[in-house]
Amino acid sequence: MRLLVAETRLRASGRLIAAADGDVEAFSASFEASVDKGETAGRLLLRTTTAEEERQISLSRTEDGAWLVDRAGASRREEFDGSLTVAVAGAVTFHTLPIRRLGLHRTPGEAELPVVWVNAPDLAVSLVTQSYRTVSIDADGAVIAFTQNGETTELTVDTDGVVVDFPGVAGRV
C-alpha cells in the first residue's frame, strides 16, 4: 500500500489479497483513493478479481455532497445519509480518513458516522454506521476504539493518524 499524506489531501493506492473464508471466495483487489482534507470531495476506484470474475466500481463524492456510483457502465446518484466517508471491507487504510478528519489522534473525542461501505469481492455498496473513540494518546500516536456491527476493535495509529495496527487484520511492516 502506498499512502501520501499532505496538509490538504490524502491519496492511497494498494492491493488486497484474501484467501477463501467460508462463503467468501478467494480474491485480489486493487484500489486508488483520494480525498481532500475536509473530505468534501473524493474518489475511489476499486477492482476485484476472483477465479470466476473481474469487477470494477468507481465512487465519487461531489462538492454538493452526493455520491456518484458507477459500475459496469451504469451510474447512479446516492445521498448515503450525508456520509463523508467511504470504506472498503478488509482495507484498514480507510479508517485513517475519519480519524484524521476528526483529529481523534490528537484530541480525545468520539463520533458515530454514516459510512459508504463497499464489500469485497462483490462490490456491493451499502450504508453502515461506524463509531470511533479515542482510548489514549501518547508521543508515538494513539489508540482508537472502532465499532461496527456491534464489534469493537482497538486500532493503533501513528502521530499522523495513520492506522499502523488493526489486530488480527493488518499491521505496518
N, C-alpha and C. Protein backbone atom coordinates (compact mmCIF):
# COMPACT_ATOMS: atom_id res chain seq x y z
N MET A 1 0.83 -1.16 0.00
CA MET A 1 0.00 0.00 0.00
C MET A 1 0.88 1.23 0.00
N ARG A 2 0.46 2.22 -0.75
CA ARG A 2 1.17 3.49 -0.80
C ARG A 2 0.22 4.56 -0.29
N LEU A 3 0.71 5.38 0.61
CA LEU A 3 -0.12 6.42 1.21
C LEU A 3 0.64 7.73 1.16
N LEU A 4 0.03 8.74 0.57
CA LEU A 4 0.60 10.08 0.53
C LEU A 4 -0.29 10.99 1.36
N VAL A 5 0.27 11.53 2.42
CA VAL A 5 -0.47 12.39 3.33
C VAL A 5 0.08 13.80 3.19
N ALA A 6 -0.76 14.73 2.79
CA ALA A 6 -0.38 16.14 2.69
C ALA A 6 -1.35 16.95 3.53
N GLU A 7 -1.05 18.21 3.72
CA GLU A 7 -1.91 19.05 4.54
C GLU A 7 -3.34 19.14 4.00
N THR A 8 -3.48 19.17 2.67
CA THR A 8 -4.81 19.38 2.09
C THR A 8 -5.37 18.16 1.37
N ARG A 9 -4.62 17.07 1.31
CA ARG A 9 -5.06 15.94 0.50
C ARG A 9 -4.47 14.64 1.04
N LEU A 10 -5.21 13.56 0.85
CA LEU A 10 -4.72 12.22 1.18
C LEU A 10 -4.97 11.34 -0.03
N ARG A 11 -3.92 10.65 -0.47
CA ARG A 11 -4.04 9.73 -1.60
C ARG A 11 -3.53 8.36 -1.16
N ALA A 12 -4.25 7.33 -1.55
CA ALA A 12 -3.84 5.97 -1.20
C ALA A 12 -4.04 5.07 -2.40
N SER A 13 -3.14 4.12 -2.55
CA SER A 13 -3.31 3.08 -3.55
C SER A 13 -2.77 1.79 -2.94
N GLY A 14 -3.37 0.69 -3.32
CA GLY A 14 -2.91 -0.55 -2.73
C GLY A 14 -3.57 -1.77 -3.32
N ARG A 15 -3.21 -2.90 -2.74
CA ARG A 15 -3.72 -4.19 -3.20
C ARG A 15 -4.04 -5.04 -1.98
N LEU A 16 -5.13 -5.77 -2.07
CA LEU A 16 -5.52 -6.73 -1.04
C LEU A 16 -5.53 -8.11 -1.68
N ILE A 17 -5.11 -9.10 -0.91
CA ILE A 17 -5.23 -10.48 -1.36
C ILE A 17 -5.86 -11.25 -0.21
N ALA A 18 -6.96 -11.93 -0.49
CA ALA A 18 -7.69 -12.65 0.56
C ALA A 18 -7.90 -14.10 0.16
N ALA A 19 -7.64 -14.99 1.10
CA ALA A 19 -7.91 -16.41 0.90
C ALA A 19 -9.40 -16.67 1.06
N ALA A 20 -9.87 -17.76 0.51
CA ALA A 20 -11.27 -18.13 0.69
C ALA A 20 -11.56 -18.28 2.18
N ASP A 21 -12.74 -17.81 2.59
CA ASP A 21 -13.12 -17.86 4.00
C ASP A 21 -14.62 -18.04 4.09
N GLY A 22 -15.06 -19.25 4.40
CA GLY A 22 -16.49 -19.53 4.49
C GLY A 22 -17.17 -19.32 3.16
N ASP A 23 -18.14 -18.41 3.13
CA ASP A 23 -18.90 -18.14 1.91
C ASP A 23 -18.19 -17.17 0.96
N VAL A 24 -17.07 -16.59 1.38
CA VAL A 24 -16.37 -15.61 0.55
C VAL A 24 -15.24 -16.31 -0.19
N GLU A 25 -15.28 -16.21 -1.53
CA GLU A 25 -14.25 -16.85 -2.34
C GLU A 25 -12.95 -16.06 -2.28
N ALA A 26 -11.84 -16.71 -2.61
CA ALA A 26 -10.54 -16.04 -2.66
C ALA A 26 -10.61 -14.93 -3.70
N PHE A 27 -9.92 -13.81 -3.42
CA PHE A 27 -9.93 -12.71 -4.36
C PHE A 27 -8.71 -11.83 -4.17
N SER A 28 -8.46 -11.02 -5.18
CA SER A 28 -7.49 -9.93 -5.06
C SER A 28 -8.25 -8.66 -5.39
N ALA A 29 -7.78 -7.57 -4.84
CA ALA A 29 -8.41 -6.27 -5.09
C ALA A 29 -7.32 -5.22 -5.19
N SER A 30 -7.55 -4.23 -6.01
CA SER A 30 -6.66 -3.08 -6.07
C SER A 30 -7.52 -1.83 -5.98
N PHE A 31 -6.96 -0.80 -5.34
CA PHE A 31 -7.73 0.42 -5.18
C PHE A 31 -6.85 1.65 -5.33
N GLU A 32 -7.50 2.73 -5.70
CA GLU A 32 -6.91 4.07 -5.72
C GLU A 32 -7.94 4.98 -5.09
N ALA A 33 -7.52 5.78 -4.15
CA ALA A 33 -8.44 6.68 -3.47
C ALA A 33 -7.77 8.02 -3.25
N SER A 34 -8.56 9.08 -3.30
CA SER A 34 -8.05 10.40 -2.95
C SER A 34 -9.20 11.20 -2.35
N VAL A 35 -8.86 11.97 -1.33
CA VAL A 35 -9.84 12.86 -0.70
C VAL A 35 -9.14 14.15 -0.32
N ASP A 36 -9.92 15.23 -0.26
CA ASP A 36 -9.33 16.46 0.26
C ASP A 36 -9.41 16.42 1.78
N LYS A 37 -8.75 17.35 2.44
CA LYS A 37 -8.62 17.31 3.89
C LYS A 37 -9.97 17.26 4.60
N GLY A 38 -10.92 18.03 4.13
CA GLY A 38 -12.24 18.06 4.77
C GLY A 38 -13.15 16.95 4.30
N GLU A 39 -12.66 16.11 3.41
CA GLU A 39 -13.45 15.03 2.81
C GLU A 39 -14.72 15.55 2.16
N THR A 40 -14.68 16.80 1.67
CA THR A 40 -15.85 17.32 0.97
C THR A 40 -15.95 16.76 -0.44
N ALA A 41 -14.84 16.28 -0.96
CA ALA A 41 -14.86 15.65 -2.28
C ALA A 41 -13.80 14.55 -2.29
N GLY A 42 -14.08 13.51 -3.02
CA GLY A 42 -13.12 12.41 -3.09
C GLY A 42 -13.53 11.41 -4.13
N ARG A 43 -12.63 10.44 -4.35
CA ARG A 43 -12.89 9.43 -5.37
C ARG A 43 -12.25 8.11 -4.95
N LEU A 44 -12.94 7.02 -5.25
CA LEU A 44 -12.42 5.68 -5.02
C LEU A 44 -12.64 4.87 -6.29
N LEU A 45 -11.59 4.22 -6.75
CA LEU A 45 -11.68 3.27 -7.85
C LEU A 45 -11.23 1.93 -7.28
N LEU A 46 -12.07 0.91 -7.39
CA LEU A 46 -11.79 -0.39 -6.80
C LEU A 46 -12.05 -1.48 -7.84
N ARG A 47 -11.08 -2.39 -7.95
CA ARG A 47 -11.22 -3.54 -8.86
C ARG A 47 -11.02 -4.81 -8.04
N THR A 48 -11.84 -5.82 -8.29
CA THR A 48 -11.65 -7.12 -7.65
C THR A 48 -11.60 -8.20 -8.72
N THR A 49 -10.84 -9.25 -8.41
CA THR A 49 -10.70 -10.38 -9.31
C THR A 49 -10.83 -11.66 -8.51
N THR A 50 -11.69 -12.56 -8.98
CA THR A 50 -11.81 -13.90 -8.41
C THR A 50 -11.48 -14.88 -9.53
N ALA A 51 -11.52 -16.16 -9.23
CA ALA A 51 -11.27 -17.17 -10.26
C ALA A 51 -12.31 -17.09 -11.37
N GLU A 52 -13.49 -16.59 -11.05
CA GLU A 52 -14.61 -16.57 -11.99
C GLU A 52 -14.84 -15.23 -12.68
N GLU A 53 -14.46 -14.12 -12.02
CA GLU A 53 -14.96 -12.83 -12.50
C GLU A 53 -14.06 -11.66 -12.10
N GLU A 54 -14.10 -10.61 -12.94
CA GLU A 54 -13.47 -9.34 -12.61
C GLU A 54 -14.56 -8.30 -12.47
N ARG A 55 -14.42 -7.43 -11.48
CA ARG A 55 -15.42 -6.38 -11.25
C ARG A 55 -14.69 -5.05 -11.03
N GLN A 56 -15.40 -3.96 -11.29
CA GLN A 56 -14.84 -2.64 -11.07
C GLN A 56 -15.95 -1.69 -10.64
N ILE A 57 -15.62 -0.78 -9.74
CA ILE A 57 -16.58 0.23 -9.31
C ILE A 57 -15.83 1.53 -9.06
N SER A 58 -16.51 2.62 -9.31
CA SER A 58 -15.98 3.95 -9.03
C SER A 58 -17.00 4.70 -8.19
N LEU A 59 -16.55 5.29 -7.10
CA LEU A 59 -17.41 6.13 -6.27
C LEU A 59 -16.76 7.50 -6.18
N SER A 60 -17.53 8.53 -6.45
CA SER A 60 -17.03 9.90 -6.37
C SER A 60 -18.00 10.72 -5.54
N ARG A 61 -17.45 11.46 -4.57
CA ARG A 61 -18.28 12.35 -3.76
C ARG A 61 -18.16 13.74 -4.35
N THR A 62 -19.30 14.29 -4.71
CA THR A 62 -19.31 15.60 -5.35
C THR A 62 -19.26 16.70 -4.30
N GLU A 63 -18.97 17.90 -4.73
CA GLU A 63 -18.89 19.03 -3.80
C GLU A 63 -20.24 19.36 -3.18
N ASP A 64 -21.34 18.92 -3.80
CA ASP A 64 -22.66 19.16 -3.20
C ASP A 64 -23.06 18.04 -2.24
N GLY A 65 -22.16 17.06 -2.02
CA GLY A 65 -22.40 16.04 -1.00
C GLY A 65 -22.99 14.73 -1.49
N ALA A 66 -23.36 14.65 -2.74
CA ALA A 66 -23.90 13.39 -3.27
C ALA A 66 -22.75 12.47 -3.69
N TRP A 67 -23.07 11.19 -3.78
CA TRP A 67 -22.11 10.20 -4.26
C TRP A 67 -22.55 9.72 -5.64
N LEU A 68 -21.60 9.64 -6.57
CA LEU A 68 -21.86 9.06 -7.88
C LEU A 68 -21.25 7.66 -7.87
N VAL A 69 -22.09 6.66 -8.10
CA VAL A 69 -21.67 5.26 -8.09
C VAL A 69 -21.73 4.75 -9.52
N ASP A 70 -20.59 4.34 -10.05
CA ASP A 70 -20.51 3.88 -11.44
C ASP A 70 -19.97 2.45 -11.45
N ARG A 71 -20.81 1.54 -11.96
CA ARG A 71 -20.41 0.13 -12.02
C ARG A 71 -20.96 -0.46 -13.31
N ALA A 72 -20.09 -1.12 -14.05
CA ALA A 72 -20.47 -1.82 -15.28
C ALA A 72 -21.28 -0.93 -16.22
N GLY A 73 -20.84 0.31 -16.36
CA GLY A 73 -21.50 1.21 -17.29
C GLY A 73 -22.78 1.83 -16.79
N ALA A 74 -23.25 1.44 -15.62
CA ALA A 74 -24.47 2.01 -15.05
C ALA A 74 -24.08 2.97 -13.93
N SER A 75 -24.61 4.17 -14.00
CA SER A 75 -24.31 5.18 -12.98
C SER A 75 -25.57 5.54 -12.21
N ARG A 76 -25.37 5.84 -10.94
CA ARG A 76 -26.48 6.34 -10.14
C ARG A 76 -25.96 7.35 -9.14
N ARG A 77 -26.83 8.21 -8.69
CA ARG A 77 -26.51 9.24 -7.71
C ARG A 77 -27.17 8.85 -6.40
N GLU A 78 -26.40 8.85 -5.30
CA GLU A 78 -26.91 8.45 -3.99
C GLU A 78 -26.54 9.50 -2.95
N GLU A 79 -27.39 9.69 -1.96
CA GLU A 79 -27.10 10.62 -0.87
C GLU A 79 -26.36 9.95 0.28
N PHE A 80 -26.62 8.68 0.55
CA PHE A 80 -25.98 7.92 1.63
C PHE A 80 -25.98 8.69 2.95
N ASP A 81 -27.13 9.27 3.28
CA ASP A 81 -27.33 9.92 4.58
C ASP A 81 -26.27 10.97 4.89
N GLY A 82 -25.76 11.63 3.85
CA GLY A 82 -24.77 12.69 4.06
C GLY A 82 -23.38 12.20 4.41
N SER A 83 -23.11 10.92 4.20
CA SER A 83 -21.81 10.36 4.56
C SER A 83 -20.66 11.10 3.88
N LEU A 84 -19.62 11.38 4.66
CA LEU A 84 -18.40 11.96 4.12
C LEU A 84 -17.36 10.90 3.82
N THR A 85 -17.56 9.70 4.36
CA THR A 85 -16.51 8.69 4.38
C THR A 85 -16.90 7.44 3.59
N VAL A 86 -15.91 6.88 2.91
CA VAL A 86 -16.06 5.61 2.22
C VAL A 86 -15.07 4.63 2.84
N ALA A 87 -15.45 3.35 2.88
CA ALA A 87 -14.56 2.31 3.41
C ALA A 87 -14.72 1.05 2.58
N VAL A 88 -13.64 0.29 2.49
CA VAL A 88 -13.63 -0.96 1.74
C VAL A 88 -13.36 -2.10 2.71
N ALA A 89 -14.18 -3.13 2.65
CA ALA A 89 -14.00 -4.29 3.53
C ALA A 89 -12.58 -4.82 3.41
N GLY A 90 -11.91 -4.98 4.54
CA GLY A 90 -10.57 -5.54 4.56
C GLY A 90 -9.44 -4.55 4.34
N ALA A 91 -9.74 -3.31 4.01
CA ALA A 91 -8.71 -2.30 3.75
C ALA A 91 -8.65 -1.32 4.92
N VAL A 92 -7.74 -1.55 5.85
CA VAL A 92 -7.69 -0.76 7.08
C VAL A 92 -7.29 0.69 6.84
N THR A 93 -6.68 0.98 5.72
CA THR A 93 -6.28 2.34 5.37
C THR A 93 -7.45 3.31 5.47
N PHE A 94 -8.63 2.86 5.13
CA PHE A 94 -9.79 3.76 5.08
C PHE A 94 -10.22 4.24 6.47
N HIS A 95 -9.77 3.58 7.54
CA HIS A 95 -10.06 4.07 8.89
C HIS A 95 -9.27 5.34 9.19
N THR A 96 -8.18 5.54 8.47
CA THR A 96 -7.36 6.74 8.65
C THR A 96 -8.16 8.00 8.35
N LEU A 97 -9.06 7.93 7.37
CA LEU A 97 -9.79 9.13 6.92
C LEU A 97 -10.60 9.79 8.03
N PRO A 98 -11.54 9.10 8.68
CA PRO A 98 -12.31 9.77 9.73
C PRO A 98 -11.47 10.10 10.97
N ILE A 99 -10.49 9.26 11.29
CA ILE A 99 -9.64 9.54 12.45
C ILE A 99 -8.91 10.86 12.25
N ARG A 100 -8.34 11.06 11.07
CA ARG A 100 -7.63 12.32 10.78
C ARG A 100 -8.60 13.50 10.69
N ARG A 101 -9.72 13.30 10.00
CA ARG A 101 -10.67 14.41 9.84
C ARG A 101 -11.18 14.90 11.19
N LEU A 102 -11.43 13.97 12.11
CA LEU A 102 -11.95 14.32 13.43
C LEU A 102 -10.84 14.68 14.42
N GLY A 103 -9.59 14.44 14.06
CA GLY A 103 -8.47 14.75 14.94
C GLY A 103 -8.41 13.88 16.18
N LEU A 104 -8.97 12.68 16.12
CA LEU A 104 -9.03 11.80 17.29
C LEU A 104 -7.66 11.31 17.74
N HIS A 105 -6.67 11.41 16.90
CA HIS A 105 -5.30 11.01 17.25
C HIS A 105 -4.56 12.12 17.99
N ARG A 106 -5.16 13.30 18.05
CA ARG A 106 -4.53 14.45 18.72
C ARG A 106 -5.31 14.95 19.92
N THR A 107 -6.63 14.88 19.82
CA THR A 107 -7.51 15.37 20.89
C THR A 107 -8.55 14.31 21.19
N PRO A 108 -8.70 13.92 22.46
CA PRO A 108 -9.70 12.89 22.79
C PRO A 108 -11.09 13.28 22.31
N GLY A 109 -11.80 12.31 21.77
CA GLY A 109 -13.16 12.55 21.30
C GLY A 109 -13.79 11.26 20.85
N GLU A 110 -15.03 11.39 20.39
CA GLU A 110 -15.73 10.23 19.85
C GLU A 110 -16.77 10.70 18.85
N ALA A 111 -17.11 9.82 17.92
CA ALA A 111 -18.09 10.16 16.89
C ALA A 111 -18.71 8.89 16.33
N GLU A 112 -19.97 9.02 15.94
CA GLU A 112 -20.68 7.96 15.23
C GLU A 112 -20.97 8.50 13.84
N LEU A 113 -20.58 7.75 12.81
CA LEU A 113 -20.61 8.25 11.44
C LEU A 113 -21.34 7.33 10.47
N PRO A 114 -22.09 7.91 9.53
CA PRO A 114 -22.58 7.11 8.41
C PRO A 114 -21.41 6.92 7.44
N VAL A 115 -21.23 5.70 6.95
CA VAL A 115 -20.10 5.39 6.08
C VAL A 115 -20.59 4.60 4.87
N VAL A 116 -20.13 5.00 3.69
CA VAL A 116 -20.42 4.24 2.47
C VAL A 116 -19.48 3.04 2.48
N TRP A 117 -20.04 1.84 2.57
CA TRP A 117 -19.29 0.59 2.73
C TRP A 117 -19.30 -0.18 1.42
N VAL A 118 -18.11 -0.55 0.94
CA VAL A 118 -18.00 -1.35 -0.27
C VAL A 118 -17.51 -2.74 0.14
N ASN A 119 -18.31 -3.74 -0.10
CA ASN A 119 -17.96 -5.11 0.23
C ASN A 119 -17.06 -5.68 -0.87
N ALA A 120 -16.19 -6.59 -0.47
CA ALA A 120 -15.33 -7.25 -1.46
C ALA A 120 -15.51 -8.76 -1.31
N PRO A 121 -15.53 -9.50 -2.38
CA PRO A 121 -15.20 -9.10 -3.74
C PRO A 121 -16.39 -8.68 -4.60
N ASP A 122 -17.61 -8.73 -4.06
CA ASP A 122 -18.78 -8.49 -4.92
C ASP A 122 -19.05 -7.02 -5.22
N LEU A 123 -18.39 -6.10 -4.51
CA LEU A 123 -18.52 -4.66 -4.70
C LEU A 123 -19.92 -4.14 -4.41
N ALA A 124 -20.65 -4.85 -3.55
CA ALA A 124 -21.95 -4.35 -3.10
C ALA A 124 -21.71 -3.11 -2.25
N VAL A 125 -22.53 -2.08 -2.47
CA VAL A 125 -22.38 -0.81 -1.76
C VAL A 125 -23.56 -0.63 -0.82
N SER A 126 -23.27 -0.28 0.43
CA SER A 126 -24.33 -0.06 1.41
C SER A 126 -23.91 1.03 2.37
N LEU A 127 -24.84 1.47 3.18
CA LEU A 127 -24.57 2.47 4.21
C LEU A 127 -24.48 1.74 5.54
N VAL A 128 -23.39 1.96 6.29
CA VAL A 128 -23.22 1.38 7.62
C VAL A 128 -22.93 2.51 8.60
N THR A 129 -23.01 2.18 9.88
CA THR A 129 -22.63 3.13 10.93
C THR A 129 -21.35 2.63 11.58
N GLN A 130 -20.38 3.52 11.68
CA GLN A 130 -19.12 3.22 12.36
C GLN A 130 -18.93 4.23 13.48
N SER A 131 -18.35 3.77 14.60
CA SER A 131 -18.04 4.65 15.72
C SER A 131 -16.55 4.63 15.98
N TYR A 132 -16.02 5.79 16.33
CA TYR A 132 -14.62 5.94 16.68
C TYR A 132 -14.53 6.69 18.01
N ARG A 133 -13.66 6.21 18.92
CA ARG A 133 -13.48 6.86 20.22
C ARG A 133 -12.01 6.79 20.61
N THR A 134 -11.46 7.92 21.02
CA THR A 134 -10.08 7.94 21.48
C THR A 134 -9.97 7.21 22.81
N VAL A 135 -9.07 6.23 22.88
CA VAL A 135 -8.80 5.49 24.12
C VAL A 135 -7.62 6.11 24.84
N SER A 136 -6.53 6.39 24.09
CA SER A 136 -5.34 7.00 24.69
C SER A 136 -4.53 7.70 23.61
N ILE A 137 -3.73 8.68 24.05
CA ILE A 137 -2.83 9.41 23.16
C ILE A 137 -1.48 9.48 23.86
N ASP A 138 -0.39 9.22 23.10
CA ASP A 138 0.95 9.38 23.66
C ASP A 138 1.88 9.92 22.57
N ALA A 139 3.16 9.99 22.85
CA ALA A 139 4.13 10.57 21.92
C ALA A 139 4.26 9.77 20.63
N ASP A 140 3.88 8.49 20.64
CA ASP A 140 4.00 7.64 19.45
C ASP A 140 2.74 7.61 18.60
N GLY A 141 1.63 8.12 19.10
CA GLY A 141 0.37 8.08 18.37
C GLY A 141 -0.80 7.96 19.31
N ALA A 142 -1.75 7.11 18.94
CA ALA A 142 -2.97 6.97 19.75
C ALA A 142 -3.57 5.59 19.55
N VAL A 143 -4.45 5.25 20.48
CA VAL A 143 -5.27 4.05 20.36
C VAL A 143 -6.71 4.52 20.20
N ILE A 144 -7.37 4.03 19.16
CA ILE A 144 -8.73 4.44 18.83
C ILE A 144 -9.62 3.21 18.84
N ALA A 145 -10.72 3.26 19.60
CA ALA A 145 -11.70 2.17 19.59
C ALA A 145 -12.61 2.36 18.39
N PHE A 146 -12.72 1.33 17.56
CA PHE A 146 -13.55 1.35 16.36
C PHE A 146 -14.66 0.32 16.53
N THR A 147 -15.91 0.73 16.27
CA THR A 147 -17.04 -0.19 16.39
C THR A 147 -17.86 -0.19 15.11
N GLN A 148 -18.19 -1.40 14.64
CA GLN A 148 -19.10 -1.58 13.51
C GLN A 148 -19.84 -2.89 13.74
N ASN A 149 -21.13 -2.88 13.50
CA ASN A 149 -21.96 -4.08 13.67
C ASN A 149 -21.82 -4.69 15.07
N GLY A 150 -21.70 -3.85 16.08
CA GLY A 150 -21.64 -4.31 17.46
C GLY A 150 -20.30 -4.87 17.90
N GLU A 151 -19.30 -4.89 17.03
CA GLU A 151 -17.98 -5.40 17.38
C GLU A 151 -16.99 -4.25 17.49
N THR A 152 -16.24 -4.22 18.59
CA THR A 152 -15.27 -3.16 18.83
C THR A 152 -13.85 -3.71 18.77
N THR A 153 -12.98 -2.96 18.11
CA THR A 153 -11.56 -3.29 17.99
C THR A 153 -10.76 -2.04 18.30
N GLU A 154 -9.63 -2.19 18.98
CA GLU A 154 -8.77 -1.05 19.26
C GLU A 154 -7.68 -0.96 18.19
N LEU A 155 -7.70 0.15 17.45
CA LEU A 155 -6.74 0.41 16.39
C LEU A 155 -5.60 1.26 16.95
N THR A 156 -4.38 0.99 16.54
CA THR A 156 -3.25 1.84 16.89
C THR A 156 -2.92 2.70 15.68
N VAL A 157 -2.77 4.01 15.91
CA VAL A 157 -2.44 4.94 14.84
C VAL A 157 -1.14 5.66 15.20
N ASP A 158 -0.43 6.13 14.18
CA ASP A 158 0.79 6.89 14.43
C ASP A 158 0.44 8.36 14.68
N THR A 159 1.44 9.22 14.79
CA THR A 159 1.18 10.62 15.11
C THR A 159 0.48 11.37 13.98
N ASP A 160 0.46 10.80 12.77
CA ASP A 160 -0.29 11.39 11.66
C ASP A 160 -1.71 10.87 11.57
N GLY A 161 -2.10 9.95 12.47
CA GLY A 161 -3.44 9.38 12.44
C GLY A 161 -3.58 8.21 11.48
N VAL A 162 -2.48 7.70 10.96
CA VAL A 162 -2.49 6.58 10.02
C VAL A 162 -2.52 5.28 10.81
N VAL A 163 -3.44 4.39 10.46
CA VAL A 163 -3.56 3.11 11.17
C VAL A 163 -2.31 2.28 10.93
N VAL A 164 -1.66 1.87 12.04
CA VAL A 164 -0.45 1.03 11.94
C VAL A 164 -0.70 -0.38 12.47
N ASP A 165 -1.81 -0.58 13.21
CA ASP A 165 -2.14 -1.92 13.69
C ASP A 165 -3.64 -2.07 13.84
N PHE A 166 -4.19 -3.07 13.17
CA PHE A 166 -5.58 -3.48 13.30
C PHE A 166 -5.50 -4.95 13.68
N PRO A 167 -5.61 -5.26 14.98
CA PRO A 167 -5.37 -6.62 15.46
C PRO A 167 -6.14 -7.68 14.67
N GLY A 168 -5.38 -8.70 14.24
CA GLY A 168 -5.97 -9.81 13.51
C GLY A 168 -6.23 -9.54 12.05
N VAL A 169 -5.99 -8.29 11.60
CA VAL A 169 -6.26 -7.95 10.21
C VAL A 169 -5.01 -7.47 9.48
N ALA A 170 -4.36 -6.43 10.02
CA ALA A 170 -3.20 -5.86 9.34
C ALA A 170 -2.35 -5.06 10.31
N GLY A 171 -1.07 -4.93 9.97
CA GLY A 171 -0.15 -4.12 10.75
C GLY A 171 0.94 -3.57 9.86
N ARG A 172 1.51 -2.45 10.26
CA ARG A 172 2.59 -1.84 9.49
C ARG A 172 3.83 -2.71 9.61
N VAL A 173 4.50 -2.91 8.49
CA VAL A 173 5.72 -3.71 8.47
C VAL A 173 6.92 -2.79 8.44
